[in-house]
Amino acid sequence: MSRNLSPALAEDEDEFPEPPRLRALRRLVTALTVTLALGMILIAGTVAWRLWSAAPPARAIEAETLALPAGAEVTGLGASPSEILATVRRPDGAESLLTFRRADGKLLSETPIRRE
């Protein structure tokens, strides 16, 4: 039996029911499309929120002074919630990482830095 595919008979397509597996596939693809769209909106919103939200205020250093070795030059400075880290270069060229307590500036440790 041959089938006429002319545009005049296109309205007859509603007579054929959709197969169950094709219906399930169509619903699955629709669900995945909606999930993908929601995920992209969530990611874009998170990125925008992180970019435009205010950064947390920097914590003040309570220490009045930091005691550096004589002639040492500070080459880097960093901080953690409880410590201040300073990299220093001594007059002889040796480098060290100094760790100070944030509250009072007491030297906690000195770690030599060796470059290879």
N, C-alpha and C. Protein backbone atom coordinates (compact mmCIF):
# COMPACT_ATOMS: atom_id res chain seq x y z
N MET A 1 0.84 -1.16 0.00
CA MET A 1 0.00 0.00 0.00
C MET A 1 0.89 1.23 0.00
N SER A 2 0.67 2.12 -0.93
CA SER A 2 1.45 3.34 -1.01
C SER A 2 0.75 4.44 -0.23
N ARG A 3 1.55 5.35 0.28
CA ARG A 3 1.01 6.43 1.10
C ARG A 3 1.22 7.75 0.37
N ASN A 4 0.22 8.57 0.32
CA ASN A 4 0.30 9.86 -0.34
C ASN A 4 0.80 10.89 0.67
N LEU A 5 1.94 11.53 0.38
CA LEU A 5 2.54 12.50 1.31
C LEU A 5 2.31 13.93 0.86
N SER A 6 1.28 14.16 0.12
CA SER A 6 1.02 15.52 -0.36
C SER A 6 0.59 16.41 0.81
N PRO A 7 0.84 17.75 0.70
CA PRO A 7 0.48 18.66 1.79
C PRO A 7 -1.02 18.68 2.09
N ALA A 8 -1.83 18.36 1.11
CA ALA A 8 -3.28 18.38 1.34
C ALA A 8 -3.69 17.30 2.33
N LEU A 9 -2.95 16.23 2.40
CA LEU A 9 -3.31 15.14 3.31
C LEU A 9 -2.50 15.16 4.61
N ALA A 10 -1.78 16.25 4.88
CA ALA A 10 -0.95 16.34 6.08
C ALA A 10 -1.79 16.32 7.34
N GLU A 11 -3.04 16.77 7.28
CA GLU A 11 -3.87 16.78 8.47
C GLU A 11 -4.30 15.38 8.87
N ASP A 12 -4.13 14.40 8.00
CA ASP A 12 -4.48 13.03 8.33
C ASP A 12 -3.46 12.39 9.28
N GLU A 13 -2.35 13.06 9.55
CA GLU A 13 -1.32 12.48 10.42
C GLU A 13 -1.80 12.32 11.86
N ASP A 14 -2.79 13.08 12.26
CA ASP A 14 -3.29 12.99 13.63
C ASP A 14 -4.00 11.66 13.88
N GLU A 15 -4.30 10.93 12.85
CA GLU A 15 -5.00 9.67 13.00
C GLU A 15 -4.10 8.58 13.60
N PHE A 16 -2.78 8.72 13.40
CA PHE A 16 -1.85 7.70 13.87
C PHE A 16 -1.39 8.03 15.28
N PRO A 17 -1.58 7.15 16.22
CA PRO A 17 -1.15 7.43 17.61
C PRO A 17 0.39 7.37 17.71
N GLU A 18 0.91 8.11 18.67
CA GLU A 18 2.35 8.12 18.90
C GLU A 18 2.74 6.83 19.62
N PRO A 19 3.78 6.15 19.14
CA PRO A 19 4.19 4.91 19.83
C PRO A 19 4.65 5.22 21.26
N PRO A 20 4.41 4.30 22.20
CA PRO A 20 4.75 4.56 23.61
C PRO A 20 6.24 4.84 23.83
N ARG A 21 7.11 4.13 23.14
CA ARG A 21 8.54 4.36 23.33
C ARG A 21 8.95 5.74 22.82
N LEU A 22 8.36 6.19 21.74
CA LEU A 22 8.66 7.51 21.21
C LEU A 22 8.14 8.60 22.14
N ARG A 23 6.98 8.38 22.74
CA ARG A 23 6.42 9.32 23.70
C ARG A 23 7.33 9.42 24.92
N ALA A 24 7.81 8.29 25.41
CA ALA A 24 8.71 8.29 26.57
C ALA A 24 10.02 9.00 26.23
N LEU A 25 10.53 8.77 25.02
CA LEU A 25 11.77 9.43 24.60
C LEU A 25 11.57 10.93 24.51
N ARG A 26 10.43 11.35 23.96
CA ARG A 26 10.14 12.78 23.85
C ARG A 26 10.06 13.43 25.23
N ARG A 27 9.42 12.77 26.17
CA ARG A 27 9.32 13.30 27.54
C ARG A 27 10.68 13.35 28.22
N LEU A 28 11.50 12.34 27.98
CA LEU A 28 12.84 12.32 28.56
C LEU A 28 13.70 13.46 28.01
N VAL A 29 13.64 13.67 26.71
CA VAL A 29 14.41 14.77 26.10
C VAL A 29 13.92 16.11 26.62
N THR A 30 12.62 16.27 26.78
CA THR A 30 12.08 17.52 27.32
C THR A 30 12.55 17.73 28.76
N ALA A 31 12.52 16.68 29.57
CA ALA A 31 12.98 16.79 30.96
C ALA A 31 14.47 17.13 31.02
N LEU A 32 15.26 16.52 30.17
CA LEU A 32 16.70 16.82 30.16
C LEU A 32 16.96 18.25 29.70
N THR A 33 16.18 18.74 28.73
CA THR A 33 16.33 20.13 28.27
C THR A 33 16.00 21.11 29.39
N VAL A 34 14.92 20.84 30.12
CA VAL A 34 14.55 21.71 31.24
C VAL A 34 15.63 21.67 32.32
N THR A 35 16.15 20.49 32.62
CA THR A 35 17.20 20.35 33.63
C THR A 35 18.46 21.11 33.20
N LEU A 36 18.84 21.00 31.95
CA LEU A 36 20.01 21.72 31.44
C LEU A 36 19.80 23.22 31.54
N ALA A 37 18.63 23.70 31.16
CA ALA A 37 18.35 25.13 31.22
C ALA A 37 18.40 25.64 32.66
N LEU A 38 17.79 24.90 33.58
CA LEU A 38 17.82 25.31 34.99
C LEU A 38 19.25 25.30 35.54
N GLY A 39 20.04 24.31 35.16
CA GLY A 39 21.43 24.25 35.60
C GLY A 39 22.24 25.42 35.09
N MET A 40 22.05 25.78 33.83
CA MET A 40 22.78 26.92 33.28
C MET A 40 22.37 28.22 33.95
N ILE A 41 21.07 28.37 34.24
CA ILE A 41 20.60 29.56 34.95
C ILE A 41 21.20 29.60 36.35
N LEU A 42 21.27 28.47 37.02
CA LEU A 42 21.85 28.41 38.36
C LEU A 42 23.33 28.76 38.34
N ILE A 43 24.07 28.24 37.39
CA ILE A 43 25.50 28.54 37.29
C ILE A 43 25.71 30.02 36.98
N ALA A 44 24.97 30.56 36.03
CA ALA A 44 25.11 31.98 35.70
C ALA A 44 24.75 32.86 36.90
N GLY A 45 23.70 32.49 37.62
CA GLY A 45 23.33 33.26 38.81
C GLY A 45 24.38 33.20 39.90
N THR A 46 24.98 32.03 40.09
CA THR A 46 26.03 31.89 41.10
C THR A 46 27.26 32.72 40.73
N VAL A 47 27.66 32.67 39.48
CA VAL A 47 28.81 33.47 39.04
C VAL A 47 28.52 34.96 39.22
N ALA A 48 27.34 35.39 38.81
CA ALA A 48 26.99 36.81 38.96
C ALA A 48 26.95 37.21 40.43
N TRP A 49 26.39 36.36 41.27
CA TRP A 49 26.32 36.67 42.70
C TRP A 49 27.71 36.80 43.31
N ARG A 50 28.62 35.88 42.92
CA ARG A 50 29.98 35.93 43.46
C ARG A 50 30.75 37.15 42.95
N LEU A 51 30.50 37.55 41.70
CA LEU A 51 31.22 38.70 41.15
C LEU A 51 30.77 40.02 41.77
N TRP A 52 29.47 40.15 42.01
CA TRP A 52 28.96 41.42 42.49
C TRP A 52 28.72 41.49 43.98
N SER A 53 28.97 40.42 44.71
CA SER A 53 28.81 40.50 46.16
C SER A 53 30.05 41.16 46.76
N ALA A 54 29.86 41.80 47.87
CA ALA A 54 30.97 42.50 48.53
C ALA A 54 31.94 41.49 49.13
N ALA A 55 33.21 41.79 48.99
CA ALA A 55 34.24 40.93 49.58
C ALA A 55 34.21 41.11 51.10
N PRO A 56 34.53 40.06 51.84
CA PRO A 56 34.54 40.22 53.30
C PRO A 56 35.61 41.23 53.70
N PRO A 57 35.36 41.99 54.73
CA PRO A 57 36.33 42.99 55.14
C PRO A 57 37.63 42.34 55.62
N ALA A 58 38.73 43.00 55.32
CA ALA A 58 40.03 42.49 55.75
C ALA A 58 40.14 42.61 57.27
N ARG A 59 40.74 41.60 57.87
CA ARG A 59 40.93 41.63 59.32
C ARG A 59 42.10 42.54 59.65
N ALA A 60 41.92 43.31 60.66
CA ALA A 60 42.99 44.20 61.10
C ALA A 60 44.07 43.39 61.81
N ILE A 61 45.30 43.84 61.67
CA ILE A 61 46.42 43.22 62.38
C ILE A 61 46.52 43.91 63.73
N GLU A 62 46.37 43.15 64.79
CA GLU A 62 46.38 43.73 66.11
C GLU A 62 47.79 44.06 66.60
N ALA A 63 48.80 43.43 66.02
CA ALA A 63 50.18 43.63 66.48
C ALA A 63 50.63 45.06 66.22
N GLU A 64 51.29 45.64 67.19
CA GLU A 64 51.83 46.99 67.04
C GLU A 64 53.06 46.99 66.12
N THR A 65 53.95 46.01 66.32
CA THR A 65 55.19 45.95 65.54
C THR A 65 55.52 44.50 65.22
N LEU A 66 56.33 44.32 64.19
CA LEU A 66 56.90 43.01 63.85
C LEU A 66 58.41 43.17 63.92
N ALA A 67 59.06 42.31 64.67
CA ALA A 67 60.51 42.39 64.83
C ALA A 67 61.18 41.60 63.70
N LEU A 68 61.75 42.32 62.73
CA LEU A 68 62.47 41.70 61.63
C LEU A 68 63.95 41.59 61.97
N PRO A 69 64.66 40.65 61.39
CA PRO A 69 66.10 40.57 61.59
C PRO A 69 66.78 41.84 61.05
N ALA A 70 67.92 42.17 61.62
CA ALA A 70 68.63 43.39 61.24
C ALA A 70 68.99 43.37 59.75
N GLY A 71 68.66 44.43 59.04
CA GLY A 71 69.01 44.58 57.63
C GLY A 71 68.12 43.78 56.68
N ALA A 72 67.10 43.12 57.19
CA ALA A 72 66.25 42.29 56.33
C ALA A 72 65.26 43.18 55.58
N GLU A 73 65.01 42.80 54.32
CA GLU A 73 64.07 43.53 53.48
C GLU A 73 62.86 42.62 53.23
N VAL A 74 61.68 43.13 53.46
CA VAL A 74 60.46 42.34 53.25
C VAL A 74 60.21 42.24 51.75
N THR A 75 60.08 41.00 51.24
CA THR A 75 59.82 40.79 49.82
C THR A 75 58.41 40.28 49.57
N GLY A 76 57.73 39.81 50.60
CA GLY A 76 56.36 39.34 50.46
C GLY A 76 55.69 39.31 51.81
N LEU A 77 54.38 39.49 51.79
CA LEU A 77 53.63 39.52 53.04
C LEU A 77 52.30 38.83 52.82
N GLY A 78 51.89 38.03 53.77
CA GLY A 78 50.62 37.32 53.70
C GLY A 78 50.07 37.16 55.10
N ALA A 79 48.83 36.70 55.18
CA ALA A 79 48.22 36.54 56.49
C ALA A 79 47.23 35.40 56.48
N SER A 80 47.08 34.76 57.60
CA SER A 80 46.05 33.77 57.84
C SER A 80 45.21 34.31 59.00
N PRO A 81 44.16 33.62 59.40
CA PRO A 81 43.36 34.14 60.50
C PRO A 81 44.13 34.34 61.80
N SER A 82 45.21 33.59 62.01
CA SER A 82 45.92 33.71 63.29
C SER A 82 47.39 34.11 63.14
N GLU A 83 47.90 34.17 61.91
CA GLU A 83 49.33 34.44 61.73
C GLU A 83 49.58 35.43 60.60
N ILE A 84 50.76 36.05 60.67
CA ILE A 84 51.25 36.91 59.60
C ILE A 84 52.50 36.24 59.04
N LEU A 85 52.56 36.12 57.73
CA LEU A 85 53.71 35.49 57.08
C LEU A 85 54.47 36.56 56.30
N ALA A 86 55.77 36.59 56.48
CA ALA A 86 56.59 37.56 55.76
C ALA A 86 57.80 36.84 55.17
N THR A 87 58.05 37.07 53.91
CA THR A 87 59.30 36.58 53.32
C THR A 87 60.26 37.75 53.32
N VAL A 88 61.48 37.46 53.76
CA VAL A 88 62.48 38.52 53.88
C VAL A 88 63.77 38.08 53.19
N ARG A 89 64.51 39.08 52.72
CA ARG A 89 65.83 38.84 52.14
C ARG A 89 66.84 39.57 53.02
N ARG A 90 67.82 38.82 53.49
CA ARG A 90 68.84 39.39 54.36
C ARG A 90 69.93 40.05 53.51
N PRO A 91 70.78 40.86 54.10
CA PRO A 91 71.84 41.53 53.34
C PRO A 91 72.78 40.55 52.62
N ASP A 92 72.96 39.34 53.14
CA ASP A 92 73.84 38.37 52.49
C ASP A 92 73.13 37.62 51.35
N GLY A 93 71.85 37.93 51.09
CA GLY A 93 71.10 37.31 50.00
C GLY A 93 70.25 36.13 50.42
N ALA A 94 70.40 35.65 51.64
CA ALA A 94 69.59 34.53 52.12
C ALA A 94 68.15 34.97 52.30
N GLU A 95 67.22 34.07 51.97
CA GLU A 95 65.80 34.37 52.13
C GLU A 95 65.20 33.48 53.21
N SER A 96 64.20 34.01 53.91
CA SER A 96 63.54 33.26 54.97
C SER A 96 62.06 33.59 54.98
N LEU A 97 61.29 32.64 55.48
CA LEU A 97 59.86 32.85 55.72
C LEU A 97 59.69 32.99 57.22
N LEU A 98 59.19 34.15 57.64
CA LEU A 98 58.98 34.42 59.06
C LEU A 98 57.50 34.34 59.36
N THR A 99 57.16 33.66 60.45
CA THR A 99 55.77 33.52 60.88
C THR A 99 55.61 34.25 62.20
N PHE A 100 54.67 35.22 62.20
CA PHE A 100 54.41 36.02 63.40
C PHE A 100 52.99 35.75 63.88
N ARG A 101 52.79 35.85 65.21
CA ARG A 101 51.44 35.75 65.77
C ARG A 101 50.71 37.05 65.46
N ARG A 102 49.49 36.96 64.96
CA ARG A 102 48.73 38.13 64.54
C ARG A 102 48.38 39.04 65.72
N ALA A 103 48.11 38.45 66.86
CA ALA A 103 47.64 39.25 68.01
C ALA A 103 48.71 40.17 68.57
N ASP A 104 49.94 39.66 68.74
CA ASP A 104 50.95 40.49 69.40
C ASP A 104 52.23 40.68 68.59
N GLY A 105 52.36 40.06 67.43
CA GLY A 105 53.54 40.25 66.59
C GLY A 105 54.74 39.42 66.99
N LYS A 106 54.58 38.47 67.89
CA LYS A 106 55.69 37.64 68.34
C LYS A 106 56.12 36.70 67.21
N LEU A 107 57.44 36.58 67.01
CA LEU A 107 57.99 35.68 65.99
C LEU A 107 57.79 34.24 66.44
N LEU A 108 57.05 33.46 65.63
CA LEU A 108 56.78 32.07 65.96
C LEU A 108 57.79 31.12 65.32
N SER A 109 58.16 31.38 64.08
CA SER A 109 59.11 30.49 63.42
C SER A 109 59.80 31.21 62.28
N GLU A 110 60.97 30.66 61.93
CA GLU A 110 61.73 31.17 60.80
C GLU A 110 62.14 29.97 59.96
N THR A 111 61.75 30.00 58.70
CA THR A 111 62.04 28.89 57.79
C THR A 111 62.92 29.40 56.65
N PRO A 112 64.13 28.84 56.51
CA PRO A 112 64.98 29.29 55.41
C PRO A 112 64.41 28.84 54.06
N ILE A 113 64.59 29.69 53.06
CA ILE A 113 64.16 29.37 51.69
C ILE A 113 65.41 29.15 50.86
N ARG A 114 65.48 27.96 50.25
CA ARG A 114 66.61 27.63 49.39
C ARG A 114 66.12 27.52 47.95
N ARG A 115 66.72 28.26 47.07
CA ARG A 115 66.35 28.21 45.65
C ARG A 115 67.32 27.30 44.93
N GLU A 116 66.79 26.42 44.13
CA GLU A 116 67.66 25.48 43.41
C GLU A 116 67.61 25.74 41.93
